[in-house]
Amino acid sequence: MNFEFHDVIGVFGVSLIISTYFLSQIGRMTVTKPLYPALNAVGALLILFSLTQAFNAASFVMEGFWLLISLIGLMRAFMLGRKK
C-alpha cells in the first residue's frame, strides 16, 4: 500500500475529528465553544479533499454531512457567545 499526499491529509483530518471527540468525552473540550465544531469542520474538509483523489461515495456523503453539521455548530457557538 502506497501512502500518498492525499492519504496523509485525510488521515490528519480523521485524527482531528477523533481527537476532538475523545477530548469532549473525557471533559477536556467543551462542545459548545467554537473550537470543537471548527476542528471538526477542518477535519471533514481534509477528509473530503482526500476523497477527491480516491473517491468513496459513502464516505463523501458522511463527511459532507459532518461538515454541514459542524458549520451549524460553529454558527451556534458564535451566536451563543454573543448573547453573553
Protein backbone atom coordinates (compact mmCIF):
# COMPACT_ATOMS: atom_id res chain seq x y z
CA MET A 1 0.00 0.00 0.00
CA ASN A 2 1.38 3.38 -1.02
CA PHE A 3 0.67 6.34 1.24
CA GLU A 4 0.26 9.39 -0.96
CA PHE A 5 -0.13 13.06 -0.09
CA HIS A 6 -3.94 12.93 -0.16
CA ASP A 7 -3.85 9.93 2.19
CA VAL A 8 -1.75 11.85 4.70
CA ILE A 9 -4.14 14.80 4.52
CA GLY A 10 -7.14 12.51 5.01
CA VAL A 11 -5.56 10.72 7.97
CA PHE A 12 -4.77 14.07 9.55
CA GLY A 13 -8.44 15.04 9.12
CA VAL A 14 -9.53 11.81 10.77
CA SER A 15 -7.13 12.42 13.65
CA LEU A 16 -8.64 15.90 14.20
CA ILE A 17 -12.17 14.53 14.35
CA ILE A 18 -11.27 11.60 16.60
CA SER A 19 -9.14 13.76 18.89
CA THR A 20 -11.84 16.37 19.39
CA TYR A 21 -14.42 13.69 20.07
CA PHE A 22 -12.12 11.96 22.56
CA LEU A 23 -11.31 15.24 24.32
CA SER A 24 -15.01 16.06 24.60
CA GLN A 25 -15.74 12.63 26.07
CA ILE A 26 -13.12 12.97 28.79
CA GLY A 27 -14.25 16.50 29.61
CA ARG A 28 -11.23 18.31 28.21
CA MET A 29 -13.07 20.10 25.38
CA THR A 30 -16.39 21.92 25.54
CA VAL A 31 -18.60 21.15 22.57
CA THR A 32 -20.47 24.46 22.82
CA LYS A 33 -17.30 26.54 22.31
CA PRO A 34 -16.26 27.41 18.72
CA LEU A 35 -13.07 25.32 18.77
CA TYR A 36 -14.90 21.98 18.80
CA PRO A 37 -17.04 22.46 15.67
CA ALA A 38 -14.21 24.37 13.95
CA LEU A 39 -11.77 21.46 14.34
CA ASN A 40 -14.47 19.03 13.22
CA ALA A 41 -15.16 21.15 10.14
CA VAL A 42 -11.46 21.31 9.26
CA GLY A 43 -11.18 17.55 9.75
CA ALA A 44 -14.15 16.94 7.46
CA LEU A 45 -12.70 19.28 4.82
CA LEU A 46 -9.38 17.45 4.90
CA ILE A 47 -11.11 14.10 4.52
CA LEU A 48 -13.22 15.48 1.66
CA PHE A 49 -10.01 16.67 0.00
CA SER A 50 -8.55 13.18 0.24
CA LEU A 51 -11.75 11.79 -1.27
CA THR A 52 -11.25 13.94 -4.38
CA GLN A 53 -8.26 11.73 -5.17
CA ALA A 54 -9.66 8.37 -4.02
CA PHE A 55 -13.44 8.73 -4.18
CA ASN A 56 -15.78 6.73 -1.98
CA ALA A 57 -19.44 7.73 -2.21
CA ALA A 58 -20.46 6.65 1.31
CA SER A 59 -17.51 8.46 2.91
CA PHE A 60 -18.19 11.54 0.79
CA VAL A 61 -21.81 11.70 1.94
CA MET A 62 -20.87 11.17 5.58
CA GLU A 63 -18.15 13.82 5.52
CA GLY A 64 -20.42 16.24 3.67
CA PHE A 65 -22.98 15.94 6.46
CA TRP A 66 -20.22 16.10 9.10
CA LEU A 67 -19.04 19.37 7.58
CA LEU A 68 -22.57 20.78 7.39
CA ILE A 69 -23.37 19.85 10.99
CA SER A 70 -20.03 21.25 12.16
CA LEU A 71 -20.72 24.55 10.41
CA ILE A 72 -24.15 24.73 12.07
CA GLY A 73 -22.48 24.04 15.42
CA LEU A 74 -19.89 26.74 14.73
CA MET A 75 -22.57 29.30 13.92
CA ARG A 76 -24.47 28.29 17.07
CA ALA A 77 -21.33 28.63 19.19
CA PHE A 78 -20.70 32.13 17.88
CA MET A 79 -24.32 33.15 18.42
CA LEU A 80 -24.27 31.82 21.99
CA GLY A 81 -21.04 33.71 22.61
CA ARG A 82 -22.60 36.97 21.50
CA LYS A 83 -25.56 36.59 23.86
CA LYS A 84 -23.31 36.56 26.93
